[in-house]
PDB file of all heavy atoms in Angstrom:
ATOM      1  N   ALA A   1     -94.654-185.137 -22.594  1.00  0.00           N
ATOM      2  CA  ALA A   1     -95.466-184.019 -22.443  1.00  0.00           C
ATOM      3  C   ALA A   1     -94.641-182.825 -22.224  1.00  0.00           C
ATOM      4  O   ALA A   1     -94.899-181.666 -22.602  1.00  0.00           O
ATOM      5  CB  ALA A   1     -96.440-184.318 -21.395  1.00  0.00           C
ATOM      6  N   ALA A   2     -93.597-182.991 -21.362  1.00  0.00           N
ATOM      7  CA  ALA A   2     -92.693-181.916 -21.029  1.00  0.00           C
ATOM      8  C   ALA A   2     -92.010-181.295 -22.220  1.00  0.00           C
ATOM      9  O   ALA A   2     -91.889-180.124 -22.403  1.00  0.00           O
ATOM     10  CB  ALA A   2     -91.623-182.312 -20.022  1.00  0.00           C
ATOM     11  N   ARG A   3     -91.469-182.282 -23.077  1.00  0.00           N
ATOM     12  CA  ARG A   3     -90.797-181.833 -24.296  1.00  0.00           C
ATOM     13  C   ARG A   3     -91.712-181.006 -25.169  1.00  0.00           C
ATOM     14  O   ARG A   3     -91.415-179.986 -25.748  1.00  0.00           O
ATOM     15  CB  ARG A   3     -90.261-183.114 -25.053  1.00  0.00           C
ATOM     16  CG  ARG A   3     -89.421-182.718 -26.295  1.00  0.00           C
ATOM     17  CD  ARG A   3     -88.022-182.409 -26.003  1.00  0.00           C
ATOM     18  NE  ARG A   3     -87.702-181.207 -25.259  1.00  0.00           N
ATOM     19  CZ  ARG A   3     -87.617-180.067 -25.658  1.00  0.00           C
ATOM     20  NH1 ARG A   3     -87.833-179.753 -26.926  1.00  0.00           N
ATOM     21  NH2 ARG A   3     -87.362-179.015 -24.848  1.00  0.00           N
ATOM     22  N   GLU A   4     -92.979-181.501 -25.274  1.00  0.00           N
ATOM     23  CA  GLU A   4     -93.954-180.811 -26.083  1.00  0.00           C
ATOM     24  C   GLU A   4     -94.296-179.409 -25.549  1.00  0.00           C
ATOM     25  O   GLU A   4     -94.510-178.371 -26.240  1.00  0.00           O
ATOM     26  CB  GLU A   4     -95.243-181.624 -26.280  1.00  0.00           C
ATOM     27  CG  GLU A   4     -95.051-182.885 -27.084  1.00  0.00           C
ATOM     28  CD  GLU A   4     -96.200-183.756 -27.174  1.00  0.00           C
ATOM     29  OE1 GLU A   4     -97.104-183.397 -26.293  1.00  0.00           O
ATOM     30  OE2 GLU A   4     -96.189-184.884 -27.828  1.00  0.00           O
ATOM     31  N   ALA A   5     -94.405-179.371 -24.197  1.00  0.00           N
ATOM     32  CA  ALA A   5     -94.638-178.103 -23.440  1.00  0.00           C
ATOM     33  C   ALA A   5     -93.526-177.064 -23.706  1.00  0.00           C
ATOM     34  O   ALA A   5     -93.802-175.875 -23.981  1.00  0.00           O
ATOM     35  CB  ALA A   5     -94.775-178.314 -22.043  1.00  0.00           C
ATOM     36  N   ASN A   6     -92.321-177.386 -23.713  1.00  0.00           N
ATOM     37  CA  ASN A   6     -91.226-176.498 -23.779  1.00  0.00           C
ATOM     38  C   ASN A   6     -91.123-176.190 -25.331  1.00  0.00           C
ATOM     39  O   ASN A   6     -90.772-174.924 -25.590  1.00  0.00           O
ATOM     40  CB  ASN A   6     -89.889-177.231 -23.406  1.00  0.00           C
ATOM     41  CG  ASN A   6     -89.738-177.239 -21.877  1.00  0.00           C
ATOM     42  OD1 ASN A   6     -90.472-176.391 -21.187  1.00  0.00           O
ATOM     43  ND2 ASN A   6     -89.046-178.187 -21.397  1.00  0.00           N
ATOM     44  N   ALA A   7     -91.395-177.071 -26.237  1.00  0.00           N
ATOM     45  CA  ALA A   7     -91.347-176.750 -27.667  1.00  0.00           C
ATOM     46  C   ALA A   7     -92.414-175.712 -28.102  1.00  0.00           C
ATOM     47  O   ALA A   7     -92.168-174.972 -29.060  1.00  0.00           O
ATOM     48  CB  ALA A   7     -91.634-177.940 -28.542  1.00  0.00           C
ATOM     49  N   GLY A   8     -93.480-175.658 -27.188  1.00  0.00           N
ATOM     50  CA  GLY A   8     -94.508-174.681 -27.545  1.00  0.00           C
ATOM     51  C   GLY A   8     -94.297-173.282 -26.984  1.00  0.00           C
ATOM     52  O   GLY A   8     -95.119-172.370 -27.397  1.00  0.00           O
ATOM     53  N   MET A   9     -93.148-173.027 -26.269  1.00  0.00           N
ATOM     54  CA  MET A   9     -93.051-171.728 -25.700  1.00  0.00           C
ATOM     55  C   MET A   9     -92.841-170.562 -26.724  1.00  0.00           C
ATOM     56  O   MET A   9     -93.165-169.341 -26.435  1.00  0.00           O
ATOM     57  CB  MET A   9     -91.999-171.758 -24.568  1.00  0.00           C
ATOM     58  CG  MET A   9     -92.385-172.600 -23.308  1.00  0.00           C
ATOM     59  SD  MET A   9     -93.948-171.872 -22.506  1.00  0.00           S
ATOM     60  CE  MET A   9     -93.270-170.261 -21.975  1.00  0.00           C
ATOM     61  N   PRO A  10     -92.034-170.763 -27.699  1.00  0.00           N
ATOM     62  CA  PRO A  10     -91.878-169.714 -28.635  1.00  0.00           C
ATOM     63  C   PRO A  10     -93.145-169.145 -29.259  1.00  0.00           C
ATOM     64  O   PRO A  10     -93.355-167.939 -29.421  1.00  0.00           O
ATOM     65  CB  PRO A  10     -90.908-170.361 -29.788  1.00  0.00           C
ATOM     66  CG  PRO A  10     -90.213-171.363 -29.023  1.00  0.00           C
ATOM     67  CD  PRO A  10     -91.154-171.996 -28.093  1.00  0.00           C
ATOM     68  N   GLU A  11     -94.014-170.120 -29.625  1.00  0.00           N
ATOM     69  CA  GLU A  11     -95.328-169.683 -30.055  1.00  0.00           C
ATOM     70  C   GLU A  11     -96.176-168.901 -28.947  1.00  0.00           C
ATOM     71  O   GLU A  11     -96.882-167.992 -29.401  1.00  0.00           O
ATOM     72  CB  GLU A  11     -96.166-170.916 -30.513  1.00  0.00           C
ATOM     73  CG  GLU A  11     -95.692-171.598 -31.884  1.00  0.00           C
ATOM     74  CD  GLU A  11     -96.759-172.536 -32.496  1.00  0.00           C
ATOM     75  OE1 GLU A  11     -97.814-172.684 -31.890  1.00  0.00           O
ATOM     76  OE2 GLU A  11     -96.321-173.229 -33.434  1.00  0.00           O
ATOM     77  N   HIS A  12     -96.022-169.414 -27.770  1.00  0.00           N
ATOM     78  CA  HIS A  12     -96.615-168.656 -26.713  1.00  0.00           C
ATOM     79  C   HIS A  12     -96.113-167.187 -26.646  1.00  0.00           C
ATOM     80  O   HIS A  12     -96.867-166.186 -26.535  1.00  0.00           O
ATOM     81  CB  HIS A  12     -96.422-169.297 -25.337  1.00  0.00           C
ATOM     82  CG  HIS A  12     -96.929-168.511 -24.128  1.00  0.00           C
ATOM     83  ND1 HIS A  12     -98.236-168.350 -23.892  1.00  0.00           N
ATOM     84  CD2 HIS A  12     -96.304-167.859 -23.118  1.00  0.00           C
ATOM     85  CE1 HIS A  12     -98.570-167.710 -22.894  1.00  0.00           C
ATOM     86  NE2 HIS A  12     -97.412-167.347 -22.379  1.00  0.00           N
ATOM     87  N   ALA A  13     -94.869-167.000 -26.696  1.00  0.00           N
ATOM     88  CA  ALA A  13     -94.299-165.664 -26.803  1.00  0.00           C
ATOM     89  C   ALA A  13     -94.915-164.776 -27.943  1.00  0.00           C
ATOM     90  O   ALA A  13     -95.166-163.657 -27.886  1.00  0.00           O
ATOM     91  CB  ALA A  13     -92.722-165.628 -26.809  1.00  0.00           C
ATOM     92  N   VAL A  14     -94.964-165.385 -28.985  1.00  0.00           N
ATOM     93  CA  VAL A  14     -95.377-164.760 -30.149  1.00  0.00           C
ATOM     94  C   VAL A  14     -96.916-164.282 -29.968  1.00  0.00           C
ATOM     95  O   VAL A  14     -97.402-163.434 -30.446  1.00  0.00           O
ATOM     96  CB  VAL A  14     -95.286-165.544 -31.530  1.00  0.00           C
ATOM     97  CG1 VAL A  14     -96.050-165.041 -32.630  1.00  0.00           C
ATOM     98  CG2 VAL A  14     -93.774-165.769 -31.869  1.00  0.00           C
ATOM     99  N   SER A  15     -97.730-165.241 -29.343  1.00  0.00           N
ATOM    100  CA  SER A  15     -99.202-164.916 -29.156  1.00  0.00           C
ATOM    101  C   SER A  15     -99.251-163.808 -28.157  1.00  0.00           C
ATOM    102  O   SER A  15    -100.260-163.020 -28.316  1.00  0.00           O
ATOM    103  CB  SER A  15     -99.795-166.229 -28.484  1.00  0.00           C
ATOM    104  OG  SER A  15     -99.455-166.368 -27.183  1.00  0.00           O
ATOM    105  N   ILE A  16     -98.368-163.659 -27.356  1.00  0.00           N
ATOM    106  CA  ILE A  16     -98.369-162.419 -26.258  1.00  0.00           C
ATOM    107  C   ILE A  16     -98.166-161.182 -27.122  1.00  0.00           C
ATOM    108  O   ILE A  16     -98.962-160.265 -27.040  1.00  0.00           O
ATOM    109  CB  ILE A  16     -97.434-162.497 -25.230  1.00  0.00           C
ATOM    110  CG1 ILE A  16     -97.687-163.625 -24.270  1.00  0.00           C
ATOM    111  CG2 ILE A  16     -97.263-161.175 -24.546  1.00  0.00           C
ATOM    112  CD1 ILE A  16     -96.510-164.062 -23.267  1.00  0.00           C
ATOM    113  N   LEU A  17     -97.185-161.148 -28.117  1.00  0.00           N
ATOM    114  CA  LEU A  17     -97.006-159.947 -28.908  1.00  0.00           C
ATOM    115  C   LEU A  17     -98.168-159.809 -29.945  1.00  0.00           C
ATOM    116  O   LEU A  17     -98.506-158.540 -30.054  1.00  0.00           O
ATOM    117  CB  LEU A  17     -95.657-160.152 -29.720  1.00  0.00           C
ATOM    118  CG  LEU A  17     -95.250-159.003 -30.564  1.00  0.00           C
ATOM    119  CD1 LEU A  17     -94.830-157.917 -29.720  1.00  0.00           C
ATOM    120  CD2 LEU A  17     -94.087-159.333 -31.403  1.00  0.00           C
ATOM    121  N   ASN A  18     -98.659-160.781 -30.344  1.00  0.00           N
ATOM    122  CA  ASN A  18     -99.930-160.689 -31.254  1.00  0.00           C
ATOM    123  C   ASN A  18    -100.953-160.044 -30.484  1.00  0.00           C
ATOM    124  O   ASN A  18    -101.833-159.088 -31.002  1.00  0.00           O
ATOM    125  CB  ASN A  18    -100.327-161.968 -31.751  1.00  0.00           C
ATOM    126  CG  ASN A  18    -101.529-161.900 -32.709  1.00  0.00           C
ATOM    127  OD1 ASN A  18    -101.240-161.553 -33.866  1.00  0.00           O
ATOM    128  ND2 ASN A  18    -102.555-162.307 -32.436  1.00  0.00           N
ATOM    129  N   THR A  19    -101.326-160.454 -29.258  1.00  0.00           N
ATOM    130  CA  THR A  19    -102.394-159.862 -28.585  1.00  0.00           C
ATOM    131  C   THR A  19    -102.100-158.390 -28.213  1.00  0.00           C
ATOM    132  O   THR A  19    -103.094-157.494 -28.411  1.00  0.00           O
ATOM    133  CB  THR A  19    -102.495-160.590 -27.130  1.00  0.00           C
ATOM    134  OG1 THR A  19    -102.796-161.926 -27.349  1.00  0.00           O
ATOM    135  CG2 THR A  19    -103.562-159.944 -26.263  1.00  0.00           C
ATOM    136  N   GLU A  20    -100.853-158.000 -27.945  1.00  0.00           N
ATOM    137  CA  GLU A  20    -100.576-156.681 -27.564  1.00  0.00           C
ATOM    138  C   GLU A  20    -100.650-155.695 -28.858  1.00  0.00           C
ATOM    139  O   GLU A  20    -101.089-154.500 -28.737  1.00  0.00           O
ATOM    140  CB  GLU A  20     -99.139-156.535 -26.929  1.00  0.00           C
ATOM    141  CG  GLU A  20     -99.118-157.128 -25.624  1.00  0.00           C
ATOM    142  CD  GLU A  20     -99.775-156.403 -24.540  1.00  0.00           C
ATOM    143  OE1 GLU A  20     -99.794-155.014 -24.675  1.00  0.00           O
ATOM    144  OE2 GLU A  20    -100.230-156.935 -23.587  1.00  0.00           O
ATOM    145  N   LEU A  21    -100.223-156.193 -29.983  1.00  0.00           N
ATOM    146  CA  LEU A  21    -100.201-155.371 -31.189  1.00  0.00           C
ATOM    147  C   LEU A  21    -101.554-155.503 -31.946  1.00  0.00           C
ATOM    148  O   LEU A  21    -101.835-154.779 -32.893  1.00  0.00           O
ATOM    149  CB  LEU A  21     -99.155-155.865 -32.170  1.00  0.00           C
ATOM    150  CG  LEU A  21     -97.681-155.604 -31.519  1.00  0.00           C
ATOM    151  CD1 LEU A  21     -96.694-155.983 -32.667  1.00  0.00           C
ATOM    152  CD2 LEU A  21     -97.463-154.263 -30.980  1.00  0.00           C
ATOM    153  N   GLY A  22    -102.352-156.454 -31.543  1.00  0.00           N
ATOM    154  CA  GLY A  22    -103.741-156.615 -32.310  1.00  0.00           C
ATOM    155  C   GLY A  22    -103.683-157.511 -33.354  1.00  0.00           C
ATOM    156  O   GLY A  22    -104.499-158.339 -33.572  1.00  0.00           O
ATOM    157  N   ASN A  23    -102.694-157.318 -34.198  1.00  0.00           N
ATOM    158  CA  ASN A  23    -102.504-158.251 -35.293  1.00  0.00           C
ATOM    159  C   ASN A  23    -100.977-158.130 -35.842  1.00  0.00           C
ATOM    160  O   ASN A  23    -100.499-156.957 -35.782  1.00  0.00           O
ATOM    161  CB  ASN A  23    -103.461-157.897 -36.446  1.00  0.00           C
ATOM    162  CG  ASN A  23    -103.441-158.874 -37.667  1.00  0.00           C
ATOM    163  OD1 ASN A  23    -102.512-159.564 -37.928  1.00  0.00           O
ATOM    164  ND2 ASN A  23    -104.570-159.107 -38.158  1.00  0.00           N
ATOM    165  N   LEU A  24    -100.364-159.269 -36.064  1.00  0.00           N
ATOM    166  CA  LEU A  24     -98.853-159.099 -36.556  1.00  0.00           C
ATOM    167  C   LEU A  24     -98.754-159.054 -38.127  1.00  0.00           C
ATOM    168  O   LEU A  24     -97.654-158.666 -38.461  1.00  0.00           O
ATOM    169  CB  LEU A  24     -98.221-160.433 -36.007  1.00  0.00           C
ATOM    170  CG  LEU A  24     -97.884-160.564 -34.430  1.00  0.00           C
ATOM    171  CD1 LEU A  24     -97.286-161.877 -34.192  1.00  0.00           C
ATOM    172  CD2 LEU A  24     -97.144-159.445 -34.026  1.00  0.00           C
ATOM    173  N   ALA A  25     -99.840-159.203 -38.675  1.00  0.00           N
ATOM    174  CA  ALA A  25     -99.762-159.100 -40.314  1.00  0.00           C
ATOM    175  C   ALA A  25     -99.155-157.858 -40.706  1.00  0.00           C
ATOM    176  O   ALA A  25     -99.739-156.691 -40.329  1.00  0.00           O
ATOM    177  CB  ALA A  25    -101.134-159.277 -40.901  1.00  0.00           C
ATOM    178  N   GLY A  26     -98.019-157.850 -41.461  1.00  0.00           N
ATOM    179  CA  GLY A  26     -97.305-156.675 -41.921  1.00  0.00           C
ATOM    180  C   GLY A  26     -96.537-155.847 -40.881  1.00  0.00           C
ATOM    181  O   GLY A  26     -95.957-154.832 -41.275  1.00  0.00           O
ATOM    182  N   LYS A  27     -96.638-156.295 -39.674  1.00  0.00           N
ATOM    183  CA  LYS A  27     -95.846-155.625 -38.576  1.00  0.00           C
ATOM    184  C   LYS A  27     -94.441-155.959 -38.594  1.00  0.00           C
ATOM    185  O   LYS A  27     -93.971-157.120 -39.057  1.00  0.00           O
ATOM    186  CB  LYS A  27     -96.368-155.889 -37.186  1.00  0.00           C
ATOM    187  CG  LYS A  27     -97.865-155.658 -36.927  1.00  0.00           C
ATOM    188  CD  LYS A  27     -97.920-154.137 -36.809  1.00  0.00           C
ATOM    189  CE  LYS A  27     -99.336-153.659 -36.265  1.00  0.00           C
ATOM    190  NZ  LYS A  27    -100.518-154.270 -36.799  1.00  0.00           N
ATOM    191  N   LYS A  28     -93.499-155.028 -38.330  1.00  0.00           N
ATOM    192  CA  LYS A  28     -92.113-155.239 -38.348  1.00  0.00           C
ATOM    193  C   LYS A  28     -91.722-155.659 -36.802  1.00  0.00           C
ATOM    194  O   LYS A  28     -91.888-154.936 -35.892  1.00  0.00           O
ATOM    195  CB  LYS A  28     -91.261-153.923 -38.650  1.00  0.00           C
ATOM    196  CG  LYS A  28     -91.446-153.577 -40.071  1.00  0.00           C
ATOM    197  CD  LYS A  28     -91.034-152.224 -40.454  1.00  0.00           C
ATOM    198  CE  LYS A  28     -89.385-152.194 -40.315  1.00  0.00           C
ATOM    199  NZ  LYS A  28     -88.784-150.933 -40.631  1.00  0.00           N
ATOM    200  N   VAL A  29     -91.174-156.823 -36.665  1.00  0.00           N
ATOM    201  CA  VAL A  29     -90.886-157.460 -35.412  1.00  0.00           C
ATOM    202  C   VAL A  29     -89.350-157.766 -35.360  1.00  0.00           C
ATOM    203  O   VAL A  29     -88.812-158.549 -36.250  1.00  0.00           O
ATOM    204  CB  VAL A  29     -91.607-158.691 -35.056  1.00  0.00           C
ATOM    205  CG1 VAL A  29     -91.321-159.285 -33.711  1.00  0.00           C
ATOM    206  CG2 VAL A  29     -93.171-158.368 -35.089  1.00  0.00           C
ATOM    207  N   ALA A  30     -88.640-157.488 -34.236  1.00  0.00           N
ATOM    208  CA  ALA A  30     -87.182-157.731 -34.147  1.00  0.00           C
ATOM    209  C   ALA A  30     -87.252-158.837 -33.063  1.00  0.00           C
ATOM    210  O   ALA A  30     -87.829-158.860 -31.943  1.00  0.00           O
ATOM    211  CB  ALA A  30     -86.467-156.605 -33.649  1.00  0.00           C
ATOM    212  N   VAL A  31     -86.370-159.948 -33.289  1.00  0.00           N
ATOM    213  CA  VAL A  31     -86.052-160.984 -32.355  1.00  0.00           C
ATOM    214  C   VAL A  31     -84.675-160.756 -31.852  1.00  0.00           C
ATOM    215  O   VAL A  31     -83.627-160.739 -32.787  1.00  0.00           O
ATOM    216  CB  VAL A  31     -86.179-162.361 -32.984  1.00  0.00           C
ATOM    217  CG1 VAL A  31     -85.904-163.434 -31.955  1.00  0.00           C
ATOM    218  CG2 VAL A  31     -87.593-162.577 -33.494  1.00  0.00           C
ATOM    219  N   LEU A  32     -84.427-160.604 -30.565  1.00  0.00           N
ATOM    220  CA  LEU A  32     -83.111-160.326 -30.061  1.00  0.00           C
ATOM    221  C   LEU A  32     -82.600-161.730 -29.552  1.00  0.00           C
ATOM    222  O   LEU A  32     -83.029-162.281 -28.601  1.00  0.00           O
ATOM    223  CB  LEU A  32     -83.248-159.335 -28.807  1.00  0.00           C
ATOM    224  CG  LEU A  32     -83.986-157.913 -29.128  1.00  0.00           C
ATOM    225  CD1 LEU A  32     -83.818-157.142 -27.938  1.00  0.00           C
ATOM    226  CD2 LEU A  32     -83.348-157.284 -30.311  1.00  0.00           C
ATOM    227  N   GLY A  33     -81.368-162.076 -30.165  1.00  0.00           N
ATOM    228  CA  GLY A  33     -80.664-163.179 -29.657  1.00  0.00           C
ATOM    229  C   GLY A  33     -80.833-164.328 -30.702  1.00  0.00           C
ATOM    230  O   GLY A  33     -81.871-164.995 -30.849  1.00  0.00           O
ATOM    231  N   ILE A  34     -79.697-164.862 -31.230  1.00  0.00           N
ATOM    232  CA  ILE A  34     -79.567-166.031 -31.984  1.00  0.00           C
ATOM    233  C   ILE A  34     -79.070-167.155 -31.088  1.00  0.00           C
ATOM    234  O   ILE A  34     -79.677-168.213 -31.110  1.00  0.00           O
ATOM    235  CB  ILE A  34     -78.594-165.837 -33.175  1.00  0.00           C
ATOM    236  CG1 ILE A  34     -79.241-164.979 -34.264  1.00  0.00           C
ATOM    237  CG2 ILE A  34     -78.285-167.280 -33.704  1.00  0.00           C
ATOM    238  CD1 ILE A  34     -78.266-164.633 -35.399  1.00  0.00           C
ATOM    239  N   SER A  35     -78.301-166.925 -30.250  1.00  0.00           N
ATOM    240  CA  SER A  35     -77.720-167.921 -29.287  1.00  0.00           C
ATOM    241  C   SER A  35     -78.764-168.521 -28.452  1.00  0.00           C
ATOM    242  O   SER A  35     -79.862-167.953 -28.031  1.00  0.00           O
ATOM    243  CB  SER A  35     -76.824-167.258 -28.313  1.00  0.00           C
ATOM    244  OG  SER A  35     -75.695-166.726 -29.036  1.00  0.00           O
ATOM    245  N   TYR A  36     -78.704-169.796 -28.042  1.00  0.00           N
ATOM    246  CA  TYR A  36     -79.614-170.487 -27.275  1.00  0.00           C
ATOM    247  C   TYR A  36     -79.684-170.147 -25.903  1.00  0.00           C
ATOM    248  O   TYR A  36     -80.519-170.284 -25.065  1.00  0.00           O
ATOM    249  CB  TYR A  36     -79.519-171.992 -27.423  1.00  0.00           C
ATOM    250  CG  TYR A  36     -78.345-172.606 -26.556  1.00  0.00           C
ATOM    251  CD1 TYR A  36     -78.672-173.060 -25.349  1.00  0.00           C
ATOM    252  CD2 TYR A  36     -77.055-172.743 -27.096  1.00  0.00           C
ATOM    253  CE1 TYR A  36     -77.631-173.639 -24.556  1.00  0.00           C
ATOM    254  CE2 TYR A  36     -76.122-173.304 -26.309  1.00  0.00           C
ATOM    255  CZ  TYR A  36     -76.368-173.784 -25.079  1.00  0.00           C
ATOM    256  OH  TYR A  36     -75.370-174.328 -24.370  1.00  0.00           O
ATOM    257  N   ARG A  37     -78.471-169.362 -25.375  1.00  0.00           N
ATOM    258  CA  ARG A  37     -78.332-168.854 -23.971  1.00  0.00           C
ATOM    259  C   ARG A  37     -77.428-167.688 -24.055  1.00  0.00           C
ATOM    260  O   ARG A  37     -76.598-167.633 -25.035  1.00  0.00           O
ATOM    261  CB  ARG A  37     -78.112-169.935 -22.917  1.00  0.00           C
ATOM    262  CG  ARG A  37     -76.585-170.499 -23.150  1.00  0.00           C
ATOM    263  CD  ARG A  37     -76.373-171.543 -22.024  1.00  0.00           C
ATOM    264  NE  ARG A  37     -75.060-172.281 -22.243  1.00  0.00           N
ATOM    265  CZ  ARG A  37     -73.862-171.974 -21.711  1.00  0.00           C
ATOM    266  NH1 ARG A  37     -73.855-170.864 -20.898  1.00  0.00           N
ATOM    267  NH2 ARG A  37     -72.950-172.616 -21.875  1.00  0.00           N
ATOM    268  N   GLY A  38     -77.676-166.817 -23.063  1.00  0.00           N
ATOM    269  CA  GLY A  38     -76.815-165.701 -23.020  1.00  0.00           C
ATOM    270  C   GLY A  38     -75.244-165.933 -22.885  1.00  0.00           C
ATOM    271  O   GLY A  38     -74.860-166.839 -22.140  1.00  0.00           O
ATOM    272  N   GLY A  39     -74.496-165.051 -23.508  1.00  0.00           N
ATOM    273  CA  GLY A  39     -73.136-165.194 -23.504  1.00  0.00           C
ATOM    274  C   GLY A  39     -72.347-166.142 -24.242  1.00  0.00           C
ATOM    275  O   GLY A  39     -71.219-166.524 -24.137  1.00  0.00           O
ATOM    276  N   VAL A  40     -73.168-167.052 -25.013  1.00  0.00           N
ATOM    277  CA  VAL A  40     -72.444-168.189 -25.743  1.00  0.00           C
ATOM    278  C   VAL A  40     -72.987-168.025 -27.228  1.00  0.00           C
ATOM    279  O   VAL A  40     -73.991-167.929 -27.566  1.00  0.00           O
ATOM    280  CB  VAL A  40     -73.049-169.528 -25.151  1.00  0.00           C
ATOM    281  CG1 VAL A  40     -72.412-170.699 -25.972  1.00  0.00           C
ATOM    282  CG2 VAL A  40     -72.528-169.657 -23.735  1.00  0.00           C
TER     283      VAL A  40
END
């Protein structure tokens, strides 16, 4: 259950942005950070 909960967090972050923008269709979105943690 924990593994599934953590795996779902990126979608949660996207859902927050979707709520704020009303709809993400056609919107330009930047994702900051390829690394899995800062400084690495």
